[in-house]
Amino acid sequence: GEPVVLKVIMIEPDPNNAAYGRRVAAAKGEPF
C-alpha cells in the first residue's frame, strides 16, 4: 500500500566508488 518510488539515474559522483563517472541505477532493495 506504499507509493511506488523510482530512483532517478544519475552519474556516480564519488571517486572512491567503483562506478565513478557512470550512470548508476538503484540496487535491489536499496533504501531511501
PDB file of all heavy atoms in Angstrom:
ATOM      1  N   GLY A   1       0.790  -1.225   0.000  1.00  0.00           N
ATOM      2  CA  GLY A   1       0.000   0.000   0.000  1.00  0.00           C
ATOM      3  C   GLY A   1       0.819   1.271   0.000  1.00  0.00           C
ATOM      4  O   GLY A   1       0.262   2.364   0.161  1.00  0.00           O
ATOM      5  N   GLU A   2       2.141   1.133  -0.152  1.00  0.00           N
ATOM      6  CA  GLU A   2       3.010   2.306  -0.178  1.00  0.00           C
ATOM      7  C   GLU A   2       3.188   2.811  -1.605  1.00  0.00           C
ATOM      8  O   GLU A   2       3.143   2.023  -2.557  1.00  0.00           O
ATOM      9  CB  GLU A   2       4.382   1.965   0.414  1.00  0.00           C
ATOM     10  CG  GLU A   2       4.335   1.555   1.884  1.00  0.00           C
ATOM     11  CD  GLU A   2       3.892   2.693   2.778  1.00  0.00           C
ATOM     12  OE1 GLU A   2       4.176   3.861   2.440  1.00  0.00           O
ATOM     13  OE2 GLU A   2       3.262   2.419   3.812  1.00  0.00           O
ATOM     14  N   PRO A   3       3.396   4.131  -1.790  1.00  0.00           N
ATOM     15  CA  PRO A   3       3.610   4.663  -3.148  1.00  0.00           C
ATOM     16  C   PRO A   3       4.863   4.054  -3.780  1.00  0.00           C
ATOM     17  O   PRO A   3       5.868   3.810  -3.100  1.00  0.00           O
ATOM     18  CB  PRO A   3       3.777   6.172  -2.915  1.00  0.00           C
ATOM     19  CG  PRO A   3       3.158   6.428  -1.586  1.00  0.00           C
ATOM     20  CD  PRO A   3       3.372   5.189  -0.768  1.00  0.00           C
ATOM     21  N   VAL A   4       4.802   3.806  -5.074  1.00  0.00           N
ATOM     22  CA  VAL A   4       5.950   3.297  -5.823  1.00  0.00           C
ATOM     23  C   VAL A   4       6.926   4.446  -6.056  1.00  0.00           C
ATOM     24  O   VAL A   4       6.547   5.490  -6.595  1.00  0.00           O
ATOM     25  CB  VAL A   4       5.503   2.686  -7.164  1.00  0.00           C
ATOM     26  CG1 VAL A   4       6.713   2.320  -8.016  1.00  0.00           C
ATOM     27  CG2 VAL A   4       4.651   1.446  -6.920  1.00  0.00           C
ATOM     28  N   VAL A   5       8.182   4.273  -5.638  1.00  0.00           N
ATOM     29  CA  VAL A   5       9.208   5.307  -5.762  1.00  0.00           C
ATOM     30  C   VAL A   5      10.317   4.799  -6.671  1.00  0.00           C
ATOM     31  O   VAL A   5      10.875   3.713  -6.433  1.00  0.00           O
ATOM     32  CB  VAL A   5       9.787   5.700  -4.387  1.00  0.00           C
ATOM     33  CG1 VAL A   5      10.847   6.782  -4.544  1.00  0.00           C
ATOM     34  CG2 VAL A   5       8.672   6.176  -3.463  1.00  0.00           C
ATOM     35  N   LEU A   6      10.654   5.576  -7.697  1.00  0.00           N
ATOM     36  CA  LEU A   6      11.716   5.229  -8.637  1.00  0.00           C
ATOM     37  C   LEU A   6      12.904   6.162  -8.432  1.00  0.00           C
ATOM     38  O   LEU A   6      12.730   7.376  -8.319  1.00  0.00           O
ATOM     39  CB  LEU A   6      11.226   5.342 -10.087  1.00  0.00           C
ATOM     40  CG  LEU A   6      10.009   4.494 -10.470  1.00  0.00           C
ATOM     41  CD1 LEU A   6       9.615   4.781 -11.912  1.00  0.00           C
ATOM     42  CD2 LEU A   6      10.291   3.016 -10.283  1.00  0.00           C
ATOM     43  N   LYS A   7      14.091   5.602  -8.387  1.00  0.00           N
ATOM     44  CA  LYS A   7      15.309   6.402  -8.257  1.00  0.00           C
ATOM     45  C   LYS A   7      15.682   6.993  -9.600  1.00  0.00           C
ATOM     46  O   LYS A   7      15.716   6.290 -10.611  1.00  0.00           O
ATOM     47  CB  LYS A   7      16.459   5.532  -7.739  1.00  0.00           C
ATOM     48  CG  LYS A   7      17.783   6.279  -7.605  1.00  0.00           C
ATOM     49  CD  LYS A   7      18.889   5.347  -7.121  1.00  0.00           C
ATOM     50  CE  LYS A   7      20.214   6.087  -6.994  1.00  0.00           C
ATOM     51  NZ  LYS A   7      21.306   5.203  -6.525  1.00  0.00           N
ATOM     52  N   VAL A   8      15.944   8.283  -9.642  1.00  0.00           N
ATOM     53  CA  VAL A   8      16.377   8.933 -10.876  1.00  0.00           C
ATOM     54  C   VAL A   8      17.849   8.595 -11.112  1.00  0.00           C
ATOM     55  O   VAL A   8      18.703   8.850 -10.254  1.00  0.00           O
ATOM     56  CB  VAL A   8      16.180  10.459 -10.811  1.00  0.00           C
ATOM     57  CG1 VAL A   8      16.719  11.119 -12.066  1.00  0.00           C
ATOM     58  CG2 VAL A   8      14.697  10.787 -10.636  1.00  0.00           C
ATOM     59  N   ILE A   9      18.143   8.011 -12.262  1.00  0.00           N
ATOM     60  CA  ILE A   9      19.500   7.578 -12.570  1.00  0.00           C
ATOM     61  C   ILE A   9      20.374   8.793 -12.859  1.00  0.00           C
ATOM     62  O   ILE A   9      20.076   9.590 -13.747  1.00  0.00           O
ATOM     63  CB  ILE A   9      19.499   6.623 -13.774  1.00  0.00           C
ATOM     64  CG1 ILE A   9      18.680   5.372 -13.453  1.00  0.00           C
ATOM     65  CG2 ILE A   9      20.917   6.242 -14.173  1.00  0.00           C
ATOM     66  CD1 ILE A   9      18.520   4.429 -14.613  1.00  0.00           C
ATOM     67  N   MET A  10      21.457   8.913 -12.091  1.00  0.00           N
ATOM     68  CA  MET A  10      22.408  10.000 -12.264  1.00  0.00           C
ATOM     69  C   MET A  10      23.815   9.431 -12.317  1.00  0.00           C
ATOM     70  O   MET A  10      24.043   8.258 -12.018  1.00  0.00           O
ATOM     71  CB  MET A  10      22.294  10.999 -11.113  1.00  0.00           C
ATOM     72  CG  MET A  10      20.926  11.656 -10.993  1.00  0.00           C
ATOM     73  SD  MET A  10      20.545  12.738 -12.384  1.00  0.00           S
ATOM     74  CE  MET A  10      21.676  14.082 -12.069  1.00  0.00           C
ATOM     75  N   ILE A  11      24.780  10.261 -12.693  1.00  0.00           N
ATOM     76  CA  ILE A  11      26.177   9.839 -12.746  1.00  0.00           C
ATOM     77  C   ILE A  11      26.745   9.773 -11.335  1.00  0.00           C
ATOM     78  O   ILE A  11      26.554  10.696 -10.536  1.00  0.00           O
ATOM     79  CB  ILE A  11      26.997  10.800 -13.626  1.00  0.00           C
ATOM     80  CG1 ILE A  11      26.512  10.727 -15.084  1.00  0.00           C
ATOM     81  CG2 ILE A  11      28.485  10.491 -13.557  1.00  0.00           C
ATOM     82  CD1 ILE A  11      27.212  11.692 -16.010  1.00  0.00           C
ATOM     83  N   GLU A  12      27.437   8.685 -11.007  1.00  0.00           N
ATOM     84  CA  GLU A  12      28.020   8.492  -9.688  1.00  0.00           C
ATOM     85  C   GLU A  12      29.104   9.545  -9.441  1.00  0.00           C
ATOM     86  O   GLU A  12      30.093   9.628 -10.176  1.00  0.00           O
ATOM     87  CB  GLU A  12      28.629   7.093  -9.586  1.00  0.00           C
ATOM     88  CG  GLU A  12      29.404   6.839  -8.312  1.00  0.00           C
ATOM     89  CD  GLU A  12      28.567   7.044  -7.059  1.00  0.00           C
ATOM     90  OE1 GLU A  12      27.454   6.500  -6.995  1.00  0.00           O
ATOM     91  OE2 GLU A  12      29.036   7.768  -6.150  1.00  0.00           O
ATOM     92  N   PRO A  13      28.941  10.400  -8.393  1.00  0.00           N
ATOM     93  CA  PRO A  13      29.894  11.487  -8.165  1.00  0.00           C
ATOM     94  C   PRO A  13      31.077  11.124  -7.269  1.00  0.00           C
ATOM     95  O   PRO A  13      32.052  11.869  -7.196  1.00  0.00           O
ATOM     96  CB  PRO A  13      29.034  12.558  -7.493  1.00  0.00           C
ATOM     97  CG  PRO A  13      28.017  11.763  -6.721  1.00  0.00           C
ATOM     98  CD  PRO A  13      27.771  10.509  -7.502  1.00  0.00           C
ATOM     99  N   ASP A  14      31.011   9.973  -6.573  1.00  0.00           N
ATOM    100  CA  ASP A  14      32.042   9.617  -5.604  1.00  0.00           C
ATOM    101  C   ASP A  14      33.230   8.952  -6.312  1.00  0.00           C
ATOM    102  O   ASP A  14      33.089   7.857  -6.866  1.00  0.00           O
ATOM    103  CB  ASP A  14      31.460   8.666  -4.560  1.00  0.00           C
ATOM    104  CG  ASP A  14      32.458   8.345  -3.456  1.00  0.00           C
ATOM    105  OD1 ASP A  14      33.576   8.916  -3.467  1.00  0.00           O
ATOM    106  OD2 ASP A  14      32.107   7.525  -2.583  1.00  0.00           O
ATOM    107  N   PRO A  15      34.420   9.574  -6.296  1.00  0.00           N
ATOM    108  CA  PRO A  15      35.579   8.978  -6.972  1.00  0.00           C
ATOM    109  C   PRO A  15      36.063   7.694  -6.318  1.00  0.00           C
ATOM    110  O   PRO A  15      36.805   6.929  -6.939  1.00  0.00           O
ATOM    111  CB  PRO A  15      36.642  10.076  -6.880  1.00  0.00           C
ATOM    112  CG  PRO A  15      36.232  10.920  -5.737  1.00  0.00           C
ATOM    113  CD  PRO A  15      34.746  10.868  -5.690  1.00  0.00           C
ATOM    114  N   ASN A  16      35.655   7.438  -5.083  1.00  0.00           N
ATOM    115  CA  ASN A  16      36.043   6.211  -4.400  1.00  0.00           C
ATOM    116  C   ASN A  16      35.134   5.035  -4.744  1.00  0.00           C
ATOM    117  O   ASN A  16      35.417   3.903  -4.357  1.00  0.00           O
ATOM    118  CB  ASN A  16      36.037   6.425  -2.879  1.00  0.00           C
ATOM    119  CG  ASN A  16      37.039   7.480  -2.442  1.00  0.00           C
ATOM    120  OD1 ASN A  16      38.159   7.525  -2.936  1.00  0.00           O
ATOM    121  ND2 ASN A  16      36.625   8.342  -1.515  1.00  0.00           N
ATOM    122  N   ASN A  17      34.055   5.328  -5.458  1.00  0.00           N
ATOM    123  CA  ASN A  17      33.116   4.276  -5.855  1.00  0.00           C
ATOM    124  C   ASN A  17      33.585   3.646  -7.167  1.00  0.00           C
ATOM    125  O   ASN A  17      34.069   4.332  -8.057  1.00  0.00           O
ATOM    126  CB  ASN A  17      31.715   4.863  -6.013  1.00  0.00           C
ATOM    127  CG  ASN A  17      30.646   3.797  -6.138  1.00  0.00           C
ATOM    128  OD1 ASN A  17      30.718   2.905  -6.967  1.00  0.00           O
ATOM    129  ND2 ASN A  17      29.630   3.906  -5.301  1.00  0.00           N
ATOM    130  N   ALA A  18      33.447   2.324  -7.281  1.00  0.00           N
ATOM    131  CA  ALA A  18      33.885   1.624  -8.493  1.00  0.00           C
ATOM    132  C   ALA A  18      33.115   2.075  -9.726  1.00  0.00           C
ATOM    133  O   ALA A  18      33.601   1.947 -10.852  1.00  0.00           O
ATOM    134  CB  ALA A  18      33.734   0.116  -8.304  1.00  0.00           C
ATOM    135  N   ALA A  19      31.901   2.617  -9.525  1.00  0.00           N
ATOM    136  CA  ALA A  19      31.071   3.063 -10.647  1.00  0.00           C
ATOM    137  C   ALA A  19      31.228   4.557 -10.927  1.00  0.00           C
ATOM    138  O   ALA A  19      30.392   5.149 -11.605  1.00  0.00           O
ATOM    139  CB  ALA A  19      29.605   2.747 -10.362  1.00  0.00           C
ATOM    140  N   TYR A  20      32.293   5.160 -10.405  1.00  0.00           N
ATOM    141  CA  TYR A  20      32.507   6.604 -10.574  1.00  0.00           C
ATOM    142  C   TYR A  20      32.466   6.999 -12.058  1.00  0.00           C
ATOM    143  O   TYR A  20      33.108   6.382 -12.902  1.00  0.00           O
ATOM    144  CB  TYR A  20      33.861   6.992  -9.993  1.00  0.00           C
ATOM    145  CG  TYR A  20      34.251   8.434 -10.221  1.00  0.00           C
ATOM    146  CD1 TYR A  20      33.548   9.464  -9.620  1.00  0.00           C
ATOM    147  CD2 TYR A  20      35.320   8.750 -11.063  1.00  0.00           C
ATOM    148  CE1 TYR A  20      33.890  10.790  -9.832  1.00  0.00           C
ATOM    149  CE2 TYR A  20      35.675  10.074 -11.282  1.00  0.00           C
ATOM    150  CZ  TYR A  20      34.968  11.089 -10.660  1.00  0.00           C
ATOM    151  OH  TYR A  20      35.316  12.399 -10.878  1.00  0.00           O
ATOM    152  N   GLY A  21      31.672   8.051 -12.357  1.00  0.00           N
ATOM    153  CA  GLY A  21      31.573   8.548 -13.716  1.00  0.00           C
ATOM    154  C   GLY A  21      30.551   7.837 -14.572  1.00  0.00           C
ATOM    155  O   GLY A  21      30.354   8.204 -15.725  1.00  0.00           O
ATOM    156  N   ARG A  22      29.892   6.818 -14.017  1.00  0.00           N
ATOM    157  CA  ARG A  22      28.891   6.068 -14.773  1.00  0.00           C
ATOM    158  C   ARG A  22      27.496   6.323 -14.205  1.00  0.00           C
ATOM    159  O   ARG A  22      27.343   6.726 -13.052  1.00  0.00           O
ATOM    160  CB  ARG A  22      29.197   4.566 -14.726  1.00  0.00           C
ATOM    161  CG  ARG A  22      30.534   4.189 -15.337  1.00  0.00           C
ATOM    162  CD  ARG A  22      30.725   2.690 -15.320  1.00  0.00           C
ATOM    163  NE  ARG A  22      31.988   2.310 -15.929  1.00  0.00           N
ATOM    164  CZ  ARG A  22      32.395   1.052 -16.075  1.00  0.00           C
ATOM    165  NH1 ARG A  22      31.627   0.069 -15.635  1.00  0.00           N
ATOM    166  NH2 ARG A  22      33.552   0.789 -16.639  1.00  0.00           N
ATOM    167  N   ARG A  23      26.518   6.069 -15.018  1.00  0.00           N
ATOM    168  CA  ARG A  23      25.136   6.205 -14.558  1.00  0.00           C
ATOM    169  C   ARG A  23      24.755   4.962 -13.752  1.00  0.00           C
ATOM    170  O   ARG A  23      24.891   3.843 -14.241  1.00  0.00           O
ATOM    171  CB  ARG A  23      24.193   6.393 -15.747  1.00  0.00           C
ATOM    172  CG  ARG A  23      24.467   7.686 -16.503  1.00  0.00           C
ATOM    173  CD  ARG A  23      23.408   7.965 -17.556  1.00  0.00           C
ATOM    174  NE  ARG A  23      23.707   9.194 -18.284  1.00  0.00           N
ATOM    175  CZ  ARG A  23      23.378  10.407 -17.883  1.00  0.00           C
ATOM    176  NH1 ARG A  23      22.721  10.555 -16.741  1.00  0.00           N
ATOM    177  NH2 ARG A  23      23.682  11.464 -18.593  1.00  0.00           N
ATOM    178  N   VAL A  24      24.273   5.194 -12.536  1.00  0.00           N
ATOM    179  CA  VAL A  24      24.030   4.095 -11.609  1.00  0.00           C
ATOM    180  C   VAL A  24      22.538   4.006 -11.292  1.00  0.00           C
ATOM    181  O   VAL A  24      21.920   5.005 -10.910  1.00  0.00           O
ATOM    182  CB  VAL A  24      24.835   4.295 -10.311  1.00  0.00           C
ATOM    183  CG1 VAL A  24      24.588   3.136  -9.361  1.00  0.00           C
ATOM    184  CG2 VAL A  24      26.320   4.431 -10.622  1.00  0.00           C
ATOM    185  N   ALA A  25      21.991   2.801 -11.451  1.00  0.00           N
ATOM    186  CA  ALA A  25      20.599   2.550 -11.093  1.00  0.00           C
ATOM    187  C   ALA A  25      20.514   2.100  -9.637  1.00  0.00           C
ATOM    188  O   ALA A  25      21.527   1.844  -8.990  1.00  0.00           O
ATOM    189  CB  ALA A  25      20.012   1.487 -12.017  1.00  0.00           C
ATOM    190  N   ALA A  26      19.306   1.999  -9.136  1.00  0.00           N
ATOM    191  CA  ALA A  26      19.106   1.565  -7.754  1.00  0.00           C
ATOM    192  C   ALA A  26      19.428   0.083  -7.627  1.00  0.00           C
ATOM    193  O   ALA A  26      19.029  -0.726  -8.471  1.00  0.00           O
ATOM    194  CB  ALA A  26      17.666   1.834  -7.326  1.00  0.00           C
ATOM    195  N   ALA A  27      20.145  -0.269  -6.578  1.00  0.00           N
ATOM    196  CA  ALA A  27      20.414  -1.678  -6.306  1.00  0.00           C
ATOM    197  C   ALA A  27      19.150  -2.341  -5.777  1.00  0.00           C
ATOM    198  O   ALA A  27      18.228  -1.677  -5.285  1.00  0.00           O
ATOM    199  CB  ALA A  27      21.544  -1.803  -5.293  1.00  0.00           C
ATOM    200  N   LYS A  28      19.085  -3.656  -5.903  1.00  0.00           N
ATOM    201  CA  LYS A  28      17.905  -4.372  -5.430  1.00  0.00           C
ATOM    202  C   LYS A  28      17.750  -4.182  -3.926  1.00  0.00           C
ATOM    203  O   LYS A  28      18.667  -4.449  -3.148  1.00  0.00           O
ATOM    204  CB  LYS A  28      18.031  -5.853  -5.771  1.00  0.00           C
ATOM    205  CG  LYS A  28      16.785  -6.658  -5.427  1.00  0.00           C
ATOM    206  CD  LYS A  28      16.903  -8.102  -5.869  1.00  0.00           C
ATOM    207  CE  LYS A  28      15.631  -8.872  -5.556  1.00  0.00           C
ATOM    208  NZ  LYS A  28      15.732 -10.297  -5.976  1.00  0.00           N
ATOM    209  N   GLY A  29      16.573  -3.699  -3.519  1.00  0.00           N
ATOM    210  CA  GLY A  29      16.322  -3.465  -2.103  1.00  0.00           C
ATOM    211  C   GLY A  29      16.994  -2.236  -1.542  1.00  0.00           C
ATOM    212  O   GLY A  29      17.078  -2.090  -0.315  1.00  0.00           O
ATOM    213  N   GLU A  30      17.470  -1.332  -2.401  1.00  0.00           N
ATOM    214  CA  GLU A  30      18.167  -0.136  -1.919  1.00  0.00           C
ATOM    215  C   GLU A  30      17.187   0.783  -1.180  1.00  0.00           C
ATOM    216  O   GLU A  30      16.156   1.168  -1.720  1.00  0.00           O
ATOM    217  CB  GLU A  30      18.802   0.611  -3.083  1.00  0.00           C
ATOM    218  CG  GLU A  30      19.539   1.881  -2.658  1.00  0.00           C
ATOM    219  CD  GLU A  30      20.186   2.591  -3.834  1.00  0.00           C
ATOM    220  OE1 GLU A  30      20.416   1.968  -4.887  1.00  0.00           O
ATOM    221  OE2 GLU A  30      20.461   3.813  -3.695  1.00  0.00           O
ATOM    222  N   PRO A  31      17.513   1.141   0.070  1.00  0.00           N
ATOM    223  CA  PRO A  31      16.610   2.003   0.832  1.00  0.00           C
ATOM    224  C   PRO A  31      16.828   3.482   0.490  1.00  0.00           C
ATOM    225  O   PRO A  31      17.850   3.855  -0.073  1.00  0.00           O
ATOM    226  CB  PRO A  31      17.002   1.721   2.277  1.00  0.00           C
ATOM    227  CG  PRO A  31      18.467   1.398   2.187  1.00  0.00           C
ATOM    228  CD  PRO A  31      18.668   0.691   0.870  1.00  0.00           C
ATOM    229  N   PHE A  32      15.848   4.291   0.841  1.00  0.00           N
ATOM    230  CA  PHE A  32      15.986   5.739   0.675  1.00  0.00           C
ATOM    231  C   PHE A  32      15.429   6.431   1.905  1.00  0.00           C
ATOM    232  O   PHE A  32      14.556   5.903   2.604  1.00  0.00           O
ATOM    233  CB  PHE A  32      15.259   6.229  -0.586  1.00  0.00           C
ATOM    234  CG  PHE A  32      13.771   6.023  -0.579  1.00  0.00           C
ATOM    235  CD1 PHE A  32      12.918   6.911   0.064  1.00  0.00           C
ATOM    236  CD2 PHE A  32      13.217   4.935  -1.236  1.00  0.00           C
ATOM    237  CE1 PHE A  32      11.544   6.721   0.069  1.00  0.00           C
ATOM    238  CE2 PHE A  32      11.836   4.731  -1.237  1.00  0.00           C
ATOM    239  CZ  PHE A  32      11.009   5.615  -0.587  1.00  0.00           C
TER     240      PHE A  32
END
